PDB file of N, CA and C in Angstrom:
ATOM      1  N   MET A   1     -46.706  93.622-185.402  1.00  0.00           N
ATOM      2  CA  MET A   1     -45.703  94.281-186.485  1.00  0.00           C
ATOM      3  C   MET A   1     -45.846  95.777-186.163  1.00  0.00           C
ATOM      4  N   PRO A   2     -44.632  96.263-186.301  1.00  0.00           N
ATOM      5  CA  PRO A   2     -44.639  97.987-185.881  1.00  0.00           C
ATOM      6  C   PRO A   2     -45.490  98.719-186.986  1.00  0.00           C
ATOM      7  N   GLY A   3     -46.083  99.618-186.454  1.00  0.00           N
ATOM      8  CA  GLY A   3     -46.922 100.507-187.347  1.00  0.00           C
ATOM      9  C   GLY A   3     -48.315 100.239-187.456  1.00  0.00           C
ATOM     10  N   LEU A   4     -48.567  98.932-187.180  1.00  0.00           N
ATOM     11  CA  LEU A   4     -50.088  98.585-187.095  1.00  0.00           C
ATOM     12  C   LEU A   4     -50.633  98.946-185.792  1.00  0.00           C
ATOM     13  N   ARG A   5     -51.733  99.561-185.984  1.00  0.00           N
ATOM     14  CA  ARG A   5     -52.696  99.903-184.636  1.00  0.00           C
ATOM     15  C   ARG A   5     -53.892  99.257-184.453  1.00  0.00           C
ATOM     16  N   HIS A   6     -54.361  99.075-183.341  1.00  0.00           N
ATOM     17  CA  HIS A   6     -55.546  98.769-182.887  1.00  0.00           C
ATOM     18  C   HIS A   6     -56.614  99.375-183.690  1.00  0.00           C
ATOM     19  N   ARG A   7     -57.632  98.744-184.128  1.00  0.00           N
ATOM     20  CA  ARG A   7     -58.795  99.426-184.496  1.00  0.00           C
ATOM     21  C   ARG A   7     -59.430 100.529-183.861  1.00  0.00           C
ATOM     22  N   ASP A   8     -59.525 100.465-182.755  1.00  0.00           N
ATOM     23  CA  ASP A   8     -60.158 101.456-181.843  1.00  0.00           C
ATOM     24  C   ASP A   8     -59.337 102.581-181.270  1.00  0.00           C
ATOM     25  N   ASP A   9     -57.887 102.333-181.419  1.00  0.00           N
ATOM     26  CA  ASP A   9     -57.022 103.206-180.883  1.00  0.00           C
ATOM     27  C   ASP A   9     -55.904 103.423-181.897  1.00  0.00           C
ATOM     28  N   PRO A  10     -55.952 104.310-183.008  1.00  0.00           N
ATOM     29  CA  PRO A  10     -55.108 104.286-184.029  1.00  0.00           C
ATOM     30  C   PRO A  10     -53.722 104.924-183.395  1.00  0.00           C
ATOM     31  N   PHE A  11     -53.557 105.360-182.177  1.00  0.00           N
ATOM     32  CA  PHE A  11     -52.325 106.034-181.833  1.00  0.00           C
ATOM     33  C   PHE A  11     -51.732 105.301-180.651  1.00  0.00           C
ATOM     34  N   ALA A  12     -52.185 103.988-180.378  1.00  0.00           N
ATOM     35  CA  ALA A  12     -51.614 103.232-179.335  1.00  0.00           C
ATOM     36  C   ALA A  12     -50.103 102.634-180.037  1.00  0.00           C
ATOM     37  N   LEU A  13     -49.430 102.443-179.428  1.00  0.00           N
ATOM     38  CA  LEU A  13     -47.922 101.972-179.659  1.00  0.00           C
ATOM     39  C   LEU A  13     -47.888 100.652-179.526  1.00  0.00           C
ATOM     40  N   ALA A  14     -47.421  99.803-180.348  1.00  0.00           N
ATOM     41  CA  ALA A  14     -47.392  98.400-180.235  1.00  0.00           C
ATOM     42  C   ALA A  14     -46.050  98.311-179.159  1.00  0.00           C
ATOM     43  N   PRO A  15     -45.781  96.930-178.615  1.00  0.00           N
ATOM     44  CA  PRO A  15     -44.602  96.810-177.771  1.00  0.00           C
ATOM     45  C   PRO A  15     -43.391  97.050-178.329  1.00  0.00           C
ATOM     46  N   PRO A  16     -43.036  97.070-179.431  1.00  0.00           N
ATOM     47  CA  PRO A  16     -41.723  97.172-180.043  1.00  0.00           C
ATOM     48  C   PRO A  16     -41.493  98.980-180.296  1.00  0.00           C
ATOM     49  N   GLU A  17     -42.670  99.545-180.523  1.00  0.00           N
ATOM     50  CA  GLU A  17     -42.654 100.928-180.565  1.00  0.00           C
ATOM     51  C   GLU A  17     -42.488 101.394-179.216  1.00  0.00           C
ATOM     52  N   ARG A  18     -43.104 101.118-178.302  1.00  0.00           N
ATOM     53  CA  ARG A  18     -43.094 101.525-176.768  1.00  0.00           C
ATOM     54  C   ARG A  18     -41.498 101.322-176.464  1.00  0.00           C
ATOM     55  N   TRP A  19     -40.931 100.192-176.804  1.00  0.00           N
ATOM     56  CA  TRP A  19     -39.539  99.895-176.404  1.00  0.00           C
ATOM     57  C   TRP A  19     -38.675 100.932-177.014  1.00  0.00           C
ATOM     58  N   ALA A  20     -38.876 101.201-178.178  1.00  0.00           N
ATOM     59  CA  ALA A  20     -37.957 102.065-179.258  1.00  0.00           C
ATOM     60  C   ALA A  20     -38.122 103.294-178.662  1.00  0.00           C
ATOM     61  N   LEU A  21     -39.250 103.866-178.203  1.00  0.00           N
ATOM     62  CA  LEU A  21     -39.507 105.402-177.806  1.00  0.00           C
ATOM     63  C   LEU A  21     -38.907 105.268-176.385  1.00  0.00           C
ATOM     64  N   GLY A  22     -39.061 104.543-175.568  1.00  0.00           N
ATOM     65  CA  GLY A  22     -38.194 104.454-174.369  1.00  0.00           C
ATOM     66  C   GLY A  22     -36.789 104.545-174.387  1.00  0.00           C
ATOM     67  N   ALA A  23     -36.443 103.798-175.284  1.00  0.00           N
ATOM     68  CA  ALA A  23     -34.716 103.739-175.685  1.00  0.00           C
ATOM     69  C   ALA A  23     -34.201 105.322-176.104  1.00  0.00           C
ATOM     70  N   ARG A  24     -35.032 105.819-176.838  1.00  0.00           N
ATOM     71  CA  ARG A  24     -34.695 107.046-177.335  1.00  0.00           C
ATOM     72  C   ARG A  24     -34.864 108.148-176.284  1.00  0.00           C
ATOM     73  N   ALA A  25     -35.821 107.984-175.478  1.00  0.00           N
ATOM     74  CA  ALA A  25     -35.961 109.089-174.386  1.00  0.00           C
ATOM     75  C   ALA A  25     -34.954 108.914-173.237  1.00  0.00           C
ATOM     76  N   THR A  26     -34.377 107.613-172.952  1.00  0.00           N
ATOM     77  CA  THR A  26     -33.328 107.414-172.130  1.00  0.00           C
ATOM     78  C   THR A  26     -31.918 107.999-172.617  1.00  0.00           C
ATOM     79  N   GLN A  27     -31.784 107.755-173.982  1.00  0.00           N
ATOM     80  CA  GLN A  27     -30.657 108.328-174.705  1.00  0.00           C
ATOM     81  C   GLN A  27     -30.687 109.737-174.571  1.00  0.00           C
ATOM     82  N   ALA A  28     -31.688 110.583-174.858  1.00  0.00           N
ATOM     83  CA  ALA A  28     -31.900 112.022-174.862  1.00  0.00           C
ATOM     84  C   ALA A  28     -31.664 112.285-173.427  1.00  0.00           C
ATOM     85  N   VAL A  29     -32.147 111.734-172.355  1.00  0.00           N
ATOM     86  CA  VAL A  29     -31.853 112.220-171.051  1.00  0.00           C
ATOM     87  C   VAL A  29     -30.263 112.033-170.627  1.00  0.00           C
ATOM     88  N   ARG A  30     -29.547 111.099-171.256  1.00  0.00           N
ATOM     89  CA  ARG A  30     -28.156 110.842-170.907  1.00  0.00           C
ATOM     90  C   ARG A  30     -27.480 112.170-171.641  1.00  0.00           C
ATOM     91  N   ARG A  31     -27.860 112.287-172.927  1.00  0.00           N
ATOM     92  CA  ARG A  31     -27.241 113.562-173.443  1.00  0.00           C
ATOM     93  C   ARG A  31     -27.399 114.643-172.727  1.00  0.00           C
ATOM     94  N   ALA A  32     -28.550 114.890-172.294  1.00  0.00           N
ATOM     95  CA  ALA A  32     -28.935 116.426-171.550  1.00  0.00           C
ATOM     96  C   ALA A  32     -28.096 116.461-170.337  1.00  0.00           C
ATOM     97  N   ARG A  33     -28.019 115.244-169.608  1.00  0.00           N
ATOM     98  CA  ARG A  33     -27.188 115.229-168.265  1.00  0.00           C
ATOM     99  C   ARG A  33     -25.683 115.358-168.570  1.00  0.00           C
ATOM    100  N   ALA A  34     -25.115 114.964-169.851  1.00  0.00           N
ATOM    101  CA  ALA A  34     -23.814 114.861-170.041  1.00  0.00           C
ATOM    102  C   ALA A  34     -23.323 116.467-170.369  1.00  0.00           C
ATOM    103  N   GLY A  35     -24.157 117.452-170.364  1.00  0.00           N
ATOM    104  CA  GLY A  35     -23.838 118.540-170.559  1.00  0.00           C
ATOM    105  C   GLY A  35     -24.598 119.549-171.597  1.00  0.00           C
ATOM    106  N   ALA A  36     -25.133 118.755-172.427  1.00  0.00           N
ATOM    107  CA  ALA A  36     -25.943 119.443-173.421  1.00  0.00           C
ATOM    108  C   ALA A  36     -27.052 120.258-172.886  1.00  0.00           C
ATOM    109  N   GLY A  37     -27.668 119.889-171.730  1.00  0.00           N
ATOM    110  CA  GLY A  37     -28.695 120.603-171.152  1.00  0.00           C
ATOM    111  C   GLY A  37     -30.095 120.357-171.717  1.00  0.00           C
ATOM    112  N   GLU A  38     -30.127 120.141-173.022  1.00  0.00           N
ATOM    113  CA  GLU A  38     -31.394 119.767-173.618  1.00  0.00           C
ATOM    114  C   GLU A  38     -31.010 118.614-174.855  1.00  0.00           C
ATOM    115  N   ALA A  39     -31.949 117.956-175.132  1.00  0.00           N
ATOM    116  CA  ALA A  39     -31.981 116.854-176.153  1.00  0.00           C
ATOM    117  C   ALA A  39     -33.401 116.593-176.557  1.00  0.00           C
ATOM    118  N   LEU A  40     -33.469 116.040-177.784  1.00  0.00           N
ATOM    119  CA  LEU A  40     -34.747 115.646-178.335  1.00  0.00           C
ATOM    120  C   LEU A  40     -34.830 114.397-178.624  1.00  0.00           C
ATOM    121  N   ALA A  41     -36.018 113.789-178.206  1.00  0.00           N
ATOM    122  CA  ALA A  41     -36.414 112.304-178.385  1.00  0.00           C
ATOM    123  C   ALA A  41     -37.774 112.125-179.378  1.00  0.00           C
ATOM    124  N   SER A  42     -37.660 111.526-180.348  1.00  0.00           N
ATOM    125  CA  SER A  42     -38.756 111.467-181.170  1.00  0.00           C
ATOM    126  C   SER A  42     -38.799 109.995-181.754  1.00  0.00           C
ATOM    127  N   LEU A  43     -40.072 109.757-182.255  1.00  0.00           N
ATOM    128  CA  LEU A  43     -40.356 108.259-182.736  1.00  0.00           C
ATOM    129  C   LEU A  43     -41.384 108.775-184.070  1.00  0.00           C
ATOM    130  N   THR A  44     -40.814 108.114-185.212  1.00  0.00           N
ATOM    131  CA  THR A  44     -41.630 108.272-186.603  1.00  0.00           C
ATOM    132  C   THR A  44     -42.233 107.179-186.822  1.00  0.00           C
ATOM    133  N   LEU A  45     -43.468 107.016-187.073  1.00  0.00           N
ATOM    134  CA  LEU A  45     -44.355 105.945-187.424  1.00  0.00           C
ATOM    135  C   LEU A  45     -45.404 106.148-188.478  1.00  0.00           C
ATOM    136  N   PRO A  46     -45.680 105.422-189.252  1.00  0.00           N
ATOM    137  CA  PRO A  46     -46.658 105.358-190.356  1.00  0.00           C
ATOM    138  C   PRO A  46     -48.042 105.537-189.640  1.00  0.00           C
ATOM    139  N   LEU A  47     -49.040 106.376-190.055  1.00  0.00           N
ATOM    140  CA  LEU A  47     -50.366 106.323-189.779  1.00  0.00           C
ATOM    141  C   LEU A  47     -51.218 106.174-190.804  1.00  0.00           C
ATOM    142  N   ARG A  48     -52.364 105.694-190.719  1.00  0.00           N
ATOM    143  CA  ARG A  48     -53.516 105.466-191.483  1.00  0.00           C
ATOM    144  C   ARG A  48     -53.501 106.881-192.472  1.00  0.00           C
ATOM    145  N   ALA A  49     -53.927 106.623-193.682  1.00  0.00           N
ATOM    146  CA  ALA A  49     -54.101 107.809-194.725  1.00  0.00           C
ATOM    147  C   ALA A  49     -55.141 108.877-194.087  1.00  0.00           C
ATOM    148  N   THR A  50     -55.974 108.344-193.284  1.00  0.00           N
ATOM    149  CA  THR A  50     -57.109 109.161-192.853  1.00  0.00           C
ATOM    150  C   THR A  50     -56.792 110.008-191.722  1.00  0.00           C
ATOM    151  N   VAL A  51     -55.470 109.932-190.968  1.00  0.00           N
ATOM    152  CA  VAL A  51     -55.121 110.506-189.979  1.00  0.00           C
ATOM    153  C   VAL A  51     -54.534 112.017-190.359  1.00  0.00           C
ATOM    154  N   ASP A  52     -54.837 112.950-189.820  1.00  0.00           N
ATOM    155  CA  ASP A  52     -54.242 114.144-190.159  1.00  0.00           C
ATOM    156  C   ASP A  52     -53.316 114.677-188.970  1.00  0.00           C
ATOM    157  N   PRO A  53     -52.030 114.474-188.766  1.00  0.00           N
ATOM    158  CA  PRO A  53     -51.223 114.702-188.056  1.00  0.00           C
ATOM    159  C   PRO A  53     -51.184 116.239-187.407  1.00  0.00           C
ATOM    160  N   SER A  54     -51.461 117.062-188.336  1.00  0.00           N
ATOM    161  CA  SER A  54     -51.540 118.465-187.914  1.00  0.00           C
ATOM    162  C   SER A  54     -52.710 118.648-186.987  1.00  0.00           C
ATOM    163  N   ALA A  55     -53.799 118.082-187.379  1.00  0.00           N
ATOM    164  CA  ALA A  55     -55.330 118.035-186.463  1.00  0.00           C
ATOM    165  C   ALA A  55     -55.069 117.510-185.254  1.00  0.00           C
ATOM    166  N   VAL A  56     -54.364 116.389-185.224  1.00  0.00           N
ATOM    167  CA  VAL A  56     -54.088 115.737-183.902  1.00  0.00           C
ATOM    168  C   VAL A  56     -53.322 116.541-182.869  1.00  0.00           C
ATOM    169  N   VAL A  57     -52.078 117.079-183.541  1.00  0.00           N
ATOM    170  CA  VAL A  57     -51.361 117.916-182.515  1.00  0.00           C
ATOM    171  C   VAL A  57     -52.145 119.005-182.218  1.00  0.00           C
ATOM    172  N   ALA A  58     -52.795 119.865-182.913  1.00  0.00           N
ATOM    173  CA  ALA A  58     -53.676 121.078-182.757  1.00  0.00           C
ATOM    174  C   ALA A  58     -54.622 120.622-181.696  1.00  0.00           C
ATOM    175  N   ALA A  59     -55.192 119.406-181.826  1.00  0.00           N
ATOM    176  CA  ALA A  59     -56.410 119.120-180.885  1.00  0.00           C
ATOM    177  C   ALA A  59     -55.601 118.705-179.460  1.00  0.00           C
ATOM    178  N   SER A  60     -54.466 118.239-179.489  1.00  0.00           N
ATOM    179  CA  SER A  60     -53.876 117.442-178.342  1.00  0.00           C
ATOM    180  C   SER A  60     -53.103 118.435-177.464  1.00  0.00           C
ATOM    181  N   ARG A  61     -52.826 119.712-177.811  1.00  0.00           N
ATOM    182  CA  ARG A  61     -51.979 120.373-177.179  1.00  0.00           C
ATOM    183  C   ARG A  61     -52.612 121.013-175.898  1.00  0.00           C
ATOM    184  N   ARG A  62     -51.659 121.331-174.998  1.00  0.00           N
ATOM    185  CA  ARG A  62     -52.388 122.089-173.893  1.00  0.00           C
ATOM    186  C   ARG A  62     -52.107 123.646-174.032  1.00  0.00           C
ATOM    187  N   PRO A  63     -52.956 124.402-173.518  1.00  0.00           N
ATOM    188  CA  PRO A  63     -52.542 125.897-173.425  1.00  0.00           C
ATOM    189  C   PRO A  63     -51.264 126.382-173.087  1.00  0.00           C
ATOM    190  N   GLY A  64     -50.609 126.954-174.086  1.00  0.00           N
ATOM    191  CA  GLY A  64     -49.527 127.590-173.888  1.00  0.00           C
ATOM    192  C   GLY A  64     -48.211 126.393-174.342  1.00  0.00           C
ATOM    193  N   GLU A  65     -48.476 125.329-174.920  1.00  0.00           N
ATOM    194  CA  GLU A  65     -47.550 124.283-174.972  1.00  0.00           C
ATOM    195  C   GLU A  65     -46.943 124.528-176.447  1.00  0.00           C
ATOM    196  N   PRO A  66     -45.551 124.351-176.539  1.00  0.00           N
ATOM    197  CA  PRO A  66     -45.161 124.541-177.981  1.00  0.00           C
ATOM    198  C   PRO A  66     -45.536 123.501-178.798  1.00  0.00           C
ATOM    199  N   TRP A  67     -45.576 123.808-180.080  1.00  0.00           N
ATOM    200  CA  TRP A  67     -46.128 122.736-181.161  1.00  0.00           C
ATOM    201  C   TRP A  67     -45.595 123.389-182.539  1.00  0.00           C
ATOM    202  N   PHE A  68     -45.638 122.363-183.300  1.00  0.00           N
ATOM    203  CA  PHE A  68     -45.010 122.547-184.771  1.00  0.00           C
ATOM    204  C   PHE A  68     -45.900 121.704-185.893  1.00  0.00           C
ATOM    205  N   CYS A  69     -46.282 122.150-186.951  1.00  0.00           N
ATOM    206  CA  CYS A  69     -46.784 121.640-188.079  1.00  0.00           C
ATOM    207  C   CYS A  69     -46.080 122.132-189.351  1.00  0.00           C
ATOM    208  N   PHE A  70     -45.889 121.100-190.185  1.00  0.00           N
ATOM    209  CA  PHE A  70     -45.409 121.436-191.555  1.00  0.00           C
ATOM    210  C   PHE A  70     -46.170 120.534-192.480  1.00  0.00           C
ATOM    211  N   GLU A  71     -46.990 121.041-193.439  1.00  0.00           N
ATOM    212  CA  GLU A  71     -47.456 120.180-194.284  1.00  0.00           C
ATOM    213  C   GLU A  71     -47.065 120.536-195.767  1.00  0.00           C
ATOM    214  N   GLN A  72     -47.027 119.578-196.695  1.00  0.00           N
ATOM    215  CA  GLN A  72     -46.601 119.759-198.073  1.00  0.00           C
ATOM    216  C   GLN A  72     -47.597 118.929-198.912  1.00  0.00           C
ATOM    217  N   PRO A  73     -48.707 119.364-199.029  1.00  0.00           N
ATOM    218  CA  PRO A  73     -49.852 118.548-199.837  1.00  0.00           C
ATOM    219  C   PRO A  73     -49.368 118.186-201.212  1.00  0.00           C
ATOM    220  N   ASP A  74     -48.362 118.872-201.921  1.00  0.00           N
ATOM    221  CA  ASP A  74     -47.829 118.608-203.305  1.00  0.00           C
ATOM    222  C   ASP A  74     -46.860 117.627-202.988  1.00  0.00           C
ATOM    223  N   GLY A  75     -46.416 117.345-201.999  1.00  0.00           N
ATOM    224  CA  GLY A  75     -45.327 116.286-201.725  1.00  0.00           C
ATOM    225  C   GLY A  75     -45.756 114.840-201.494  1.00  0.00           C
ATOM    226  N   GLU A  76     -46.801 114.280-202.187  1.00  0.00           N
ATOM    227  CA  GLU A  76     -47.305 113.139-201.897  1.00  0.00           C
ATOM    228  C   GLU A  76     -48.147 113.231-200.522  1.00  0.00           C
ATOM    229  N   GLY A  77     -48.432 114.437-200.286  1.00  0.00           N
ATOM    230  CA  GLY A  77     -49.370 114.513-198.948  1.00  0.00           C
ATOM    231  C   GLY A  77     -48.612 114.398-197.748  1.00  0.00           C
ATOM    232  N   SER A  78     -47.444 114.802-197.691  1.00  0.00           N
ATOM    233  CA  SER A  78     -46.639 114.676-196.429  1.00  0.00           C
ATOM    234  C   SER A  78     -46.828 115.706-195.455  1.00  0.00           C
ATOM    235  N   ALA A  79     -46.768 115.290-194.288  1.00  0.00           N
ATOM    236  CA  ALA A  79     -47.301 116.027-193.113  1.00  0.00           C
ATOM    237  C   ALA A  79     -46.251 115.731-191.873  1.00  0.00           C
ATOM    238  N   LEU A  80     -45.972 116.848-191.090  1.00  0.00           N
ATOM    239  CA  LEU A  80     -45.040 116.595-189.918  1.00  0.00           C
ATOM    240  C   LEU A  80     -45.498 117.331-188.845  1.00  0.00           C
ATOM    241  N   ALA A  81     -45.811 116.719-187.662  1.00  0.00           N
ATOM    242  CA  ALA A  81     -46.282 117.536-186.704  1.00  0.00           C
ATOM    243  C   ALA A  81     -45.535 117.114-185.401  1.00  0.00           C
ATOM    244  N   GLY A  82     -45.212 118.187-184.421  1.00  0.00           N
ATOM    245  CA  GLY A  82     -44.724 117.959-183.353  1.00  0.00           C
ATOM    246  C   GLY A  82     -45.360 118.583-182.135  1.00  0.00           C
ATOM    247  N   LEU A  83     -45.256 117.860-180.820  1.00  0.00           N
ATOM    248  CA  LEU A  83     -46.022 118.542-179.695  1.00  0.00           C
ATOM    249  C   LEU A  83     -44.986 118.364-178.674  1.00  0.00           C
ATOM    250  N   GLY A  84     -44.875 119.492-177.743  1.00  0.00           N
ATOM    251  CA  GLY A  84     -44.090 119.505-176.535  1.00  0.00           C
ATOM    252  C   GLY A  84     -42.646 120.259-176.855  1.00  0.00           C
ATOM    253  N   ALA A  85     -41.869 120.272-175.471  1.00  0.00           N
ATOM    254  CA  ALA A  85     -40.547 120.845-175.621  1.00  0.00           C
ATOM    255  C   ALA A  85     -39.545 119.863-174.991  1.00  0.00           C
TER     256      ALA A  85
END
């Protein structure tokens, strides 16, 4: 079932999620090659309530790598984090 993670690896993608990410990346590459020059591919998935997306991105980034975090604690604890360019 999409969104469920292995106990030992909360960030592992299930096969349907890997397929969805691959399809979106392929579509982004096609758009970029068609003249846009750049395109964005993303995949949004639910995480366990104990996972802090901002902390994951901050800890996972390479020196100089672009990243973004937006948190809204009063909005039902919503958080959005992105890594890469």
